[in-house]
Amino acid sequence: MVYHSRLVRTEDSLEQLEELLVEECGDMSAAAQRIGASVASVYFWMEDCPDAASRLKQAQLIGWSRLESAAYTRGVKGVEEAVYFKGEVVGYKTVYSDGLLLAMLKARNPAYRQEQETGPRVVVNLMPRAETYEEWTQMRQETLRQLAAPVEREYTDYEPVTESALRDVL
């Protein structure tokens, strides 16, 4: 398809672009391509005419809401998908998109944006830089000694088990 370097700026072409933006879920490139214009021409028009910019941005927002609606449908309601056996459809199943649902939750709810901590916690021991090998070995030995030392803990909610309590259990 040949793209025109300039878009004919008429009310009809503006209305057509608005409709295409809604149909194409806010994709400016696809809408411009469908009317045979370059995206740059559309953006130049938006820079030159605040009314056109406002109308096209509004149409883009409506298109994006269609995109959100489709994501919601796939994430919450699911979509029917054919089940095949030996090349023939034997039934249908509802398939949900957890990824889309999580993306929507992250977009709307700040609590879902925080990354969940997974796996063991890693503690990194950063030692100061040693000037000599001897200094480095001393620092290393001290670090190893500290790591090998027993950890002293105070148990506040601990009740010692008495010998009579053990006899009752056994």
Foldseek 3Di string as FASTA:
>chain_A
DAADAADDDDPVLLVQLLVLCLVQLLPLQRSSVVVRHHSVNLVVVVVVDVVSVVSSVVSSVNSVVVVLVVLCCQAPVFDWDFDDDPRDGPDIDGHHDVVSVLVVCVVPPVVSVDDDDDDDDDDDDDDDDDPDPVRVVVVVVVVVVVVPDDDDDDDDPDDDDDPVNVVVVD
